[in-house]
PDB file of all heavy atoms in Angstrom:
ATOM      1  N   VAL A   1     -99.664 -53.443-313.765  1.00  0.00           N
ATOM      2  CA  VAL A   1     -98.964 -54.509-313.047  1.00  0.00           C
ATOM      3  C   VAL A   1     -99.513 -55.865-313.456  1.00  0.00           C
ATOM      4  O   VAL A   1     -98.755 -56.815-313.714  1.00  0.00           O
ATOM      5  CB  VAL A   1     -99.074 -54.303-311.528  1.00  0.00           C
ATOM      6  CG1 VAL A   1     -98.577 -55.538-310.774  1.00  0.00           C
ATOM      7  CG2 VAL A   1     -98.284 -53.071-311.093  1.00  0.00           C
ATOM      8  N   GLU A   2    -100.834 -55.987-313.522  1.00  0.00           N
ATOM      9  CA  GLU A   2    -101.448 -57.246-313.945  1.00  0.00           C
ATOM     10  C   GLU A   2    -101.042 -57.593-315.376  1.00  0.00           C
ATOM     11  O   GLU A   2    -100.746 -58.759-315.689  1.00  0.00           O
ATOM     12  CB  GLU A   2    -102.964 -57.148-313.827  1.00  0.00           C
ATOM     13  CG  GLU A   2    -103.465 -57.086-312.384  1.00  0.00           C
ATOM     14  CD  GLU A   2    -104.973 -56.961-312.304  1.00  0.00           C
ATOM     15  OE1 GLU A   2    -105.615 -56.856-313.373  1.00  0.00           O
ATOM     16  OE2 GLU A   2    -105.510 -56.964-311.190  1.00  0.00           O
ATOM     17  N   ASP A   3    -101.006 -56.601-316.252  1.00  0.00           N
ATOM     18  CA  ASP A   3    -100.595 -56.825-317.639  1.00  0.00           C
ATOM     19  C   ASP A   3     -99.153 -57.299-317.696  1.00  0.00           C
ATOM     20  O   ASP A   3     -98.812 -58.209-318.467  1.00  0.00           O
ATOM     21  CB  ASP A   3    -100.764 -55.522-318.423  1.00  0.00           C
ATOM     22  CG  ASP A   3    -100.484 -55.688-319.905  1.00  0.00           C
ATOM     23  OD1 ASP A   3    -101.197 -56.476-320.549  1.00  0.00           O
ATOM     24  OD2 ASP A   3     -99.550 -55.047-320.414  1.00  0.00           O
ATOM     25  N   LEU A   4     -98.294 -56.705-316.875  1.00  0.00           N
ATOM     26  CA  LEU A   4     -96.884 -57.104-316.810  1.00  0.00           C
ATOM     27  C   LEU A   4     -96.743 -58.560-316.375  1.00  0.00           C
ATOM     28  O   LEU A   4     -95.965 -59.327-316.955  1.00  0.00           O
ATOM     29  CB  LEU A   4     -96.155 -56.163-315.842  1.00  0.00           C
ATOM     30  CG  LEU A   4     -94.681 -56.384-315.529  1.00  0.00           C
ATOM     31  CD1 LEU A   4     -94.024 -55.051-315.194  1.00  0.00           C
ATOM     32  CD2 LEU A   4     -94.495 -57.328-314.353  1.00  0.00           C
ATOM     33  N   ILE A   5     -97.501 -58.944-315.353  1.00  0.00           N
ATOM     34  CA  ILE A   5     -97.426 -60.312-314.840  1.00  0.00           C
ATOM     35  C   ILE A   5     -97.907 -61.318-315.880  1.00  0.00           C
ATOM     36  O   ILE A   5     -97.274 -62.357-316.116  1.00  0.00           O
ATOM     37  CB  ILE A   5     -98.240 -60.435-313.541  1.00  0.00           C
ATOM     38  CG1 ILE A   5     -97.563 -59.641-312.414  1.00  0.00           C
ATOM     39  CG2 ILE A   5     -98.414 -61.899-313.133  1.00  0.00           C
ATOM     40  CD1 ILE A   5     -98.380 -59.546-311.141  1.00  0.00           C
ATOM     41  N   ILE A   6     -99.023 -61.009-316.519  1.00  0.00           N
ATOM     42  CA  ILE A   6     -99.581 -61.919-317.529  1.00  0.00           C
ATOM     43  C   ILE A   6     -98.599 -62.110-318.677  1.00  0.00           C
ATOM     44  O   ILE A   6     -98.341 -63.239-319.124  1.00  0.00           O
ATOM     45  CB  ILE A   6    -100.931 -61.384-318.043  1.00  0.00           C
ATOM     46  CG1 ILE A   6    -101.983 -61.446-316.936  1.00  0.00           C
ATOM     47  CG2 ILE A   6    -101.399 -62.176-319.267  1.00  0.00           C
ATOM     48  CD1 ILE A   6    -103.274 -60.723-317.272  1.00  0.00           C
ATOM     49  N   LYS A   7     -97.992 -61.028-319.148  1.00  0.00           N
ATOM     50  CA  LYS A   7     -97.053 -61.132-320.271  1.00  0.00           C
ATOM     51  C   LYS A   7     -95.791 -61.893-319.869  1.00  0.00           C
ATOM     52  O   LYS A   7     -95.219 -62.629-320.685  1.00  0.00           O
ATOM     53  CB  LYS A   7     -96.702 -59.737-320.779  1.00  0.00           C
ATOM     54  CG  LYS A   7     -97.847 -59.071-321.536  1.00  0.00           C
ATOM     55  CD  LYS A   7     -97.492 -57.666-321.984  1.00  0.00           C
ATOM     56  CE  LYS A   7     -98.647 -57.047-322.773  1.00  0.00           C
ATOM     57  NZ  LYS A   7     -98.359 -55.636-323.166  1.00  0.00           N
ATOM     58  N   ALA A   8     -95.355 -61.721-318.615  1.00  0.00           N
ATOM     59  CA  ALA A   8     -94.171 -62.454-318.153  1.00  0.00           C
ATOM     60  C   ALA A   8     -94.430 -63.955-318.142  1.00  0.00           C
ATOM     61  O   ALA A   8     -93.584 -64.753-318.567  1.00  0.00           O
ATOM     62  CB  ALA A   8     -93.774 -61.969-316.764  1.00  0.00           C
ATOM     63  N   VAL A   9     -95.609 -64.357-317.663  1.00  0.00           N
ATOM     64  CA  VAL A   9     -95.955 -65.789-317.653  1.00  0.00           C
ATOM     65  C   VAL A   9     -96.115 -66.303-319.075  1.00  0.00           C
ATOM     66  O   VAL A   9     -95.675 -67.417-319.409  1.00  0.00           O
ATOM     67  CB  VAL A   9     -97.228 -66.029-316.823  1.00  0.00           C
ATOM     68  CG1 VAL A   9     -97.650 -67.488-316.892  1.00  0.00           C
ATOM     69  CG2 VAL A   9     -97.011 -65.619-315.366  1.00  0.00           C
ATOM     70  N   LEU A  10     -96.734 -65.508-319.939  1.00  0.00           N
ATOM     71  CA  LEU A  10     -96.913 -65.922-321.332  1.00  0.00           C
ATOM     72  C   LEU A  10     -95.568 -66.149-322.023  1.00  0.00           C
ATOM     73  O   LEU A  10     -95.457 -67.013-322.904  1.00  0.00           O
ATOM     74  CB  LEU A  10     -97.709 -64.855-322.099  1.00  0.00           C
ATOM     75  CG  LEU A  10     -99.219 -64.817-321.858  1.00  0.00           C
ATOM     76  CD1 LEU A  10     -99.833 -63.611-322.550  1.00  0.00           C
ATOM     77  CD2 LEU A  10     -99.881 -66.089-322.349  1.00  0.00           C
ATOM     78  N   SER A  11     -94.555 -65.391-321.625  1.00  0.00           N
ATOM     79  CA  SER A  11     -93.252 -65.518-322.285  1.00  0.00           C
ATOM     80  C   SER A  11     -92.623 -66.890-322.058  1.00  0.00           C
ATOM     81  O   SER A  11     -91.780 -67.325-322.844  1.00  0.00           O
ATOM     82  CB  SER A  11     -92.307 -64.414-321.787  1.00  0.00           C
ATOM     83  OG  SER A  11     -91.949 -64.634-320.430  1.00  0.00           O
ATOM     84  N   ALA A  12     -93.023 -67.562-320.977  1.00  0.00           N
ATOM     85  CA  ALA A  12     -92.470 -68.891-320.679  1.00  0.00           C
ATOM     86  C   ALA A  12     -93.507 -69.993-320.839  1.00  0.00           C
ATOM     87  O   ALA A  12     -93.230 -71.156-320.539  1.00  0.00           O
ATOM     88  CB  ALA A  12     -91.923 -68.913-319.250  1.00  0.00           C
ATOM     89  N   GLU A  13     -94.692 -69.633-321.331  1.00  0.00           N
ATOM     90  CA  GLU A  13     -95.801 -70.595-321.388  1.00  0.00           C
ATOM     91  C   GLU A  13     -95.474 -71.810-322.245  1.00  0.00           C
ATOM     92  O   GLU A  13     -95.701 -72.957-321.840  1.00  0.00           O
ATOM     93  CB  GLU A  13     -97.051 -69.908-321.928  1.00  0.00           C
ATOM     94  CG  GLU A  13     -98.232 -70.859-322.092  1.00  0.00           C
ATOM     95  CD  GLU A  13     -99.365 -70.223-322.875  1.00  0.00           C
ATOM     96  OE1 GLU A  13     -99.154 -69.160-323.482  1.00  0.00           O
ATOM     97  OE2 GLU A  13    -100.461 -70.816-322.885  1.00  0.00           O
ATOM     98  N   LEU A  14     -94.923 -71.598-323.432  1.00  0.00           N
ATOM     99  CA  LEU A  14     -94.713 -72.698-324.368  1.00  0.00           C
ATOM    100  C   LEU A  14     -93.774 -73.750-323.792  1.00  0.00           C
ATOM    101  O   LEU A  14     -94.075 -74.953-323.823  1.00  0.00           O
ATOM    102  CB  LEU A  14     -94.150 -72.166-325.688  1.00  0.00           C
ATOM    103  CG  LEU A  14     -93.827 -73.229-326.754  1.00  0.00           C
ATOM    104  CD1 LEU A  14     -95.090 -74.001-327.119  1.00  0.00           C
ATOM    105  CD2 LEU A  14     -93.210 -72.558-327.986  1.00  0.00           C
ATOM    106  N   GLN A  15     -92.635 -73.318-323.242  1.00  0.00           N
ATOM    107  CA  GLN A  15     -91.666 -74.266-322.711  1.00  0.00           C
ATOM    108  C   GLN A  15     -92.230 -75.035-321.521  1.00  0.00           C
ATOM    109  O   GLN A  15     -92.041 -76.253-321.402  1.00  0.00           O
ATOM    110  CB  GLN A  15     -90.389 -73.530-322.296  1.00  0.00           C
ATOM    111  CG  GLN A  15     -89.614 -72.924-323.447  1.00  0.00           C
ATOM    112  CD  GLN A  15     -90.087 -71.531-323.833  1.00  0.00           C
ATOM    113  OE1 GLN A  15     -91.180 -71.113-323.456  1.00  0.00           O
ATOM    114  NE2 GLN A  15     -89.266 -70.817-324.585  1.00  0.00           N
ATOM    115  N   ILE A  16     -92.920 -74.334-320.627  1.00  0.00           N
ATOM    116  CA  ILE A  16     -93.448 -74.995-319.426  1.00  0.00           C
ATOM    117  C   ILE A  16     -94.617 -75.912-319.792  1.00  0.00           C
ATOM    118  O   ILE A  16     -94.737 -77.026-319.271  1.00  0.00           O
ATOM    119  CB  ILE A  16     -93.872 -73.955-318.372  1.00  0.00           C
ATOM    120  CG1 ILE A  16     -92.653 -73.126-317.948  1.00  0.00           C
ATOM    121  CG2 ILE A  16     -94.494 -74.642-317.153  1.00  0.00           C
ATOM    122  CD1 ILE A  16     -92.970 -72.033-316.952  1.00  0.00           C
ATOM    123  N   ALA A  17     -95.489 -75.460-320.681  1.00  0.00           N
ATOM    124  CA  ALA A  17     -96.627 -76.289-321.099  1.00  0.00           C
ATOM    125  C   ALA A  17     -96.139 -77.564-321.775  1.00  0.00           C
ATOM    126  O   ALA A  17     -96.690 -78.648-321.557  1.00  0.00           O
ATOM    127  CB  ALA A  17     -97.530 -75.500-322.033  1.00  0.00           C
ATOM    128  N   THR A  18     -95.073 -77.455-322.575  1.00  0.00           N
ATOM    129  CA  THR A  18     -94.507 -78.638-323.235  1.00  0.00           C
ATOM    130  C   THR A  18     -93.957 -79.620-322.210  1.00  0.00           C
ATOM    131  O   THR A  18     -94.163 -80.832-322.305  1.00  0.00           O
ATOM    132  CB  THR A  18     -93.386 -78.216-324.202  1.00  0.00           C
ATOM    133  OG1 THR A  18     -93.927 -77.310-325.182  1.00  0.00           O
ATOM    134  CG2 THR A  18     -92.806 -79.431-324.903  1.00  0.00           C
ATOM    135  N   ALA A  19     -93.256 -79.088-321.198  1.00  0.00           N
ATOM    136  CA  ALA A  19     -92.711 -79.946-320.152  1.00  0.00           C
ATOM    137  C   ALA A  19     -93.823 -80.602-319.343  1.00  0.00           C
ATOM    138  O   ALA A  19     -93.718 -81.770-318.949  1.00  0.00           O
ATOM    139  CB  ALA A  19     -91.798 -79.130-319.236  1.00  0.00           C
ATOM    140  N   CYS A  20     -94.906 -79.854-319.096  1.00  0.00           N
ATOM    141  CA  CYS A  20     -96.040 -80.417-318.342  1.00  0.00           C
ATOM    142  C   CYS A  20     -96.666 -81.589-319.095  1.00  0.00           C
ATOM    143  O   CYS A  20     -97.050 -82.595-318.486  1.00  0.00           O
ATOM    144  CB  CYS A  20     -97.081 -79.331-318.083  1.00  0.00           C
ATOM    145  SG  CYS A  20     -96.605 -78.103-316.843  1.00  0.00           S
ATOM    146  N   LYS A  21     -96.788 -81.470-320.403  1.00  0.00           N
ATOM    147  CA  LYS A  21     -97.369 -82.552-321.186  1.00  0.00           C
ATOM    148  C   LYS A  21     -96.506 -83.806-321.122  1.00  0.00           C
ATOM    149  O   LYS A  21     -97.010 -84.930-321.174  1.00  0.00           O
ATOM    150  CB  LYS A  21     -97.541 -82.105-322.637  1.00  0.00           C
ATOM    151  CG  LYS A  21     -98.638 -81.070-322.835  1.00  0.00           C
ATOM    152  CD  LYS A  21     -98.751 -80.651-324.294  1.00  0.00           C
ATOM    153  CE  LYS A  21     -99.846 -79.611-324.471  1.00  0.00           C
ATOM    154  NZ  LYS A  21     -99.953 -79.158-325.891  1.00  0.00           N
ATOM    155  N   MET A  22     -95.208 -83.620-320.981  1.00  0.00           N
ATOM    156  CA  MET A  22     -94.286 -84.758-320.945  1.00  0.00           C
ATOM    157  C   MET A  22     -94.243 -85.432-319.582  1.00  0.00           C
ATOM    158  O   MET A  22     -94.165 -86.656-319.486  1.00  0.00           O
ATOM    159  CB  MET A  22     -92.872 -84.291-321.319  1.00  0.00           C
ATOM    160  CG  MET A  22     -92.711 -83.840-322.758  1.00  0.00           C
ATOM    161  SD  MET A  22     -91.052 -83.193-323.087  1.00  0.00           S
ATOM    162  CE  MET A  22     -90.058 -84.641-322.701  1.00  0.00           C
ATOM    163  N   PHE A  23     -94.320 -84.632-318.507  1.00  0.00           N
ATOM    164  CA  PHE A  23     -94.036 -85.173-317.177  1.00  0.00           C
ATOM    165  C   PHE A  23     -95.213 -85.137-316.205  1.00  0.00           C
ATOM    166  O   PHE A  23     -95.135 -85.711-315.130  1.00  0.00           O
ATOM    167  CB  PHE A  23     -92.860 -84.410-316.547  1.00  0.00           C
ATOM    168  CG  PHE A  23     -91.610 -84.465-317.365  1.00  0.00           C
ATOM    169  CD1 PHE A  23     -91.148 -83.340-318.019  1.00  0.00           C
ATOM    170  CD2 PHE A  23     -90.900 -85.656-317.505  1.00  0.00           C
ATOM    171  CE1 PHE A  23     -89.989 -83.379-318.787  1.00  0.00           C
ATOM    172  CE2 PHE A  23     -89.744 -85.704-318.265  1.00  0.00           C
ATOM    173  CZ  PHE A  23     -89.281 -84.568-318.913  1.00  0.00           C
ATOM    174  N   VAL A  24     -96.290 -84.441-316.552  1.00  0.00           N
ATOM    175  CA  VAL A  24     -97.437 -84.342-315.650  1.00  0.00           C
ATOM    176  C   VAL A  24     -98.647 -84.958-316.340  1.00  0.00           C
ATOM    177  O   VAL A  24     -99.284 -84.318-317.188  1.00  0.00           O
ATOM    178  CB  VAL A  24     -97.729 -82.873-315.274  1.00  0.00           C
ATOM    179  CG1 VAL A  24     -98.883 -82.797-314.267  1.00  0.00           C
ATOM    180  CG2 VAL A  24     -96.481 -82.203-314.699  1.00  0.00           C
ATOM    181  N   PRO A  25     -98.984 -86.200-316.004  1.00  0.00           N
ATOM    182  CA  PRO A  25    -100.083 -86.878-316.706  1.00  0.00           C
ATOM    183  C   PRO A  25    -101.457 -86.290-316.418  1.00  0.00           C
ATOM    184  O   PRO A  25    -102.350 -86.389-317.239  1.00  0.00           O
ATOM    185  CB  PRO A  25     -99.988 -88.327-316.197  1.00  0.00           C
ATOM    186  CG  PRO A  25     -99.272 -88.225-314.889  1.00  0.00           C
ATOM    187  CD  PRO A  25     -98.322 -87.081-315.019  1.00  0.00           C
ATOM    188  N   HIS A  26    -101.619 -85.692-315.248  1.00  0.00           N
ATOM    189  CA  HIS A  26    -102.921 -85.117-314.880  1.00  0.00           C
ATOM    190  C   HIS A  26    -102.750 -83.622-314.625  1.00  0.00           C
ATOM    191  O   HIS A  26    -101.940 -83.212-313.794  1.00  0.00           O
ATOM    192  CB  HIS A  26    -103.494 -85.811-313.650  1.00  0.00           C
ATOM    193  CG  HIS A  26    -103.630 -87.291-313.816  1.00  0.00           C
ATOM    194  ND1 HIS A  26    -104.610 -87.859-314.600  1.00  0.00           N
ATOM    195  CD2 HIS A  26    -102.896 -88.317-313.315  1.00  0.00           C
ATOM    196  CE1 HIS A  26    -104.489 -89.180-314.569  1.00  0.00           C
ATOM    197  NE2 HIS A  26    -103.456 -89.482-313.804  1.00  0.00           N
ATOM    198  N   LYS A  27    -103.498 -82.803-315.335  1.00  0.00           N
ATOM    199  CA  LYS A  27    -103.327 -81.347-315.295  1.00  0.00           C
ATOM    200  C   LYS A  27    -103.515 -80.754-313.904  1.00  0.00           C
ATOM    201  O   LYS A  27    -102.905 -79.760-313.560  1.00  0.00           O
ATOM    202  CB  LYS A  27    -104.314 -80.687-316.265  1.00  0.00           C
ATOM    203  CG  LYS A  27    -104.041 -80.995-317.730  1.00  0.00           C
ATOM    204  CD  LYS A  27    -105.045 -80.295-318.616  1.00  0.00           C
ATOM    205  CE  LYS A  27    -104.793 -80.599-320.088  1.00  0.00           C
ATOM    206  NZ  LYS A  27    -105.778 -79.919-320.966  1.00  0.00           N
ATOM    207  N   ALA A  28    -104.390 -81.364-313.105  1.00  0.00           N
ATOM    208  CA  ALA A  28    -104.710 -80.781-311.811  1.00  0.00           C
ATOM    209  C   ALA A  28    -103.784 -81.254-310.689  1.00  0.00           C
ATOM    210  O   ALA A  28    -104.056 -81.029-309.521  1.00  0.00           O
ATOM    211  CB  ALA A  28    -106.159 -81.096-311.445  1.00  0.00           C
ATOM    212  N   ASN A  29    -102.695 -81.921-311.058  1.00  0.00           N
ATOM    213  CA  ASN A  29    -101.811 -82.508-310.046  1.00  0.00           C
ATOM    214  C   ASN A  29    -100.851 -81.525-309.411  1.00  0.00           C
ATOM    215  O   ASN A  29    -100.245 -81.837-308.396  1.00  0.00           O
ATOM    216  CB  ASN A  29    -100.989 -83.654-310.655  1.00  0.00           C
ATOM    217  CG  ASN A  29    -101.724 -84.982-310.549  1.00  0.00           C
ATOM    218  OD1 ASN A  29    -102.913 -85.005-310.278  1.00  0.00           O
ATOM    219  ND2 ASN A  29    -101.014 -86.066-310.764  1.00  0.00           N
ATOM    220  N   CYS A  30    -100.642 -80.376-310.024  1.00  0.00           N
ATOM    221  CA  CYS A  30     -99.621 -79.481-309.481  1.00  0.00           C
ATOM    222  C   CYS A  30     -99.978 -78.026-309.741  1.00  0.00           C
ATOM    223  O   CYS A  30    -100.863 -77.703-310.535  1.00  0.00           O
ATOM    224  CB  CYS A  30     -98.248 -79.801-310.068  1.00  0.00           C
ATOM    225  SG  CYS A  30     -98.169 -79.649-311.864  1.00  0.00           S
ATOM    226  N   PHE A  31     -99.267 -77.153-309.052  1.00  0.00           N
ATOM    227  CA  PHE A  31     -99.413 -75.717-309.228  1.00  0.00           C
ATOM    228  C   PHE A  31     -98.067 -75.089-308.893  1.00  0.00           C
ATOM    229  O   PHE A  31     -97.170 -75.744-308.368  1.00  0.00           O
ATOM    230  CB  PHE A  31    -100.517 -75.150-308.327  1.00  0.00           C
ATOM    231  CG  PHE A  31    -100.233 -75.308-306.857  1.00  0.00           C
ATOM    232  CD1 PHE A  31     -99.621 -74.287-306.136  1.00  0.00           C
ATOM    233  CD2 PHE A  31    -100.570 -76.478-306.179  1.00  0.00           C
ATOM    234  CE1 PHE A  31     -99.348 -74.430-304.778  1.00  0.00           C
ATOM    235  CE2 PHE A  31    -100.313 -76.626-304.826  1.00  0.00           C
ATOM    236  CZ  PHE A  31     -99.697 -75.598-304.126  1.00  0.00           C
ATOM    237  N   GLU A  32     -97.911 -73.812-309.202  1.00  0.00           N
ATOM    238  CA  GLU A  32     -96.646 -73.130-308.918  1.00  0.00           C
ATOM    239  C   GLU A  32     -96.923 -71.755-308.320  1.00  0.00           C
ATOM    240  O   GLU A  32     -97.781 -71.012-308.813  1.00  0.00           O
ATOM    241  CB  GLU A  32     -95.823 -72.966-310.201  1.00  0.00           C
ATOM    242  CG  GLU A  32     -94.430 -72.386-309.981  1.00  0.00           C
ATOM    243  CD  GLU A  32     -93.483 -73.387-309.350  1.00  0.00           C
ATOM    244  OE1 GLU A  32     -93.160 -74.394-309.992  1.00  0.00           O
ATOM    245  OE2 GLU A  32     -93.074 -73.139-308.202  1.00  0.00           O
ATOM    246  N   LEU A  33     -96.190 -71.453-307.243  1.00  0.00           N
ATOM    247  CA  LEU A  33     -96.248 -70.130-306.619  1.00  0.00           C
ATOM    248  C   LEU A  33     -95.007 -69.351-307.046  1.00  0.00           C
ATOM    249  O   LEU A  33     -93.888 -69.820-306.870  1.00  0.00           O
ATOM    250  CB  LEU A  33     -96.309 -70.249-305.097  1.00  0.00           C
ATOM    251  CG  LEU A  33     -96.186 -68.931-304.315  1.00  0.00           C
ATOM    252  CD1 LEU A  33     -97.398 -68.033-304.581  1.00  0.00           C
ATOM    253  CD2 LEU A  33     -96.038 -69.202-302.818  1.00  0.00           C
ATOM    254  N   TYR A  34     -95.223 -68.169-307.582  1.00  0.00           N
ATOM    255  CA  TYR A  34     -94.120 -67.303-308.007  1.00  0.00           C
ATOM    256  C   TYR A  34     -94.104 -66.024-307.169  1.00  0.00           C
ATOM    257  O   TYR A  34     -95.152 -65.536-306.730  1.00  0.00           O
ATOM    258  CB  TYR A  34     -94.260 -66.906-309.480  1.00  0.00           C
ATOM    259  CG  TYR A  34     -94.273 -68.048-310.457  1.00  0.00           C
ATOM    260  CD1 TYR A  34     -95.463 -68.506-311.020  1.00  0.00           C
ATOM    261  CD2 TYR A  34     -93.088 -68.668-310.848  1.00  0.00           C
ATOM    262  CE1 TYR A  34     -95.472 -69.545-311.934  1.00  0.00           C
ATOM    263  CE2 TYR A  34     -93.091 -69.709-311.764  1.00  0.00           C
ATOM    264  CZ  TYR A  34     -94.287 -70.141-312.300  1.00  0.00           C
ATOM    265  OH  TYR A  34     -94.302 -71.187-313.208  1.00  0.00           O
ATOM    266  N   GLY A  35     -92.910 -65.479-306.978  1.00  0.00           N
ATOM    267  CA  GLY A  35     -92.767 -64.177-306.346  1.00  0.00           C
ATOM    268  C   GLY A  35     -92.285 -63.174-307.388  1.00  0.00           C
ATOM    269  O   GLY A  35     -91.156 -63.264-307.875  1.00  0.00           O
TER     270      GLY A  35
END
């Protein structure tokens, strides 16, 4: 289950990380809760 969750997040990592660099100036400013 943990492996499944990690791989699911990794599948969207590039797009979200790119958006964070554009719109979130400070890395510690936000977080996301997923179900």
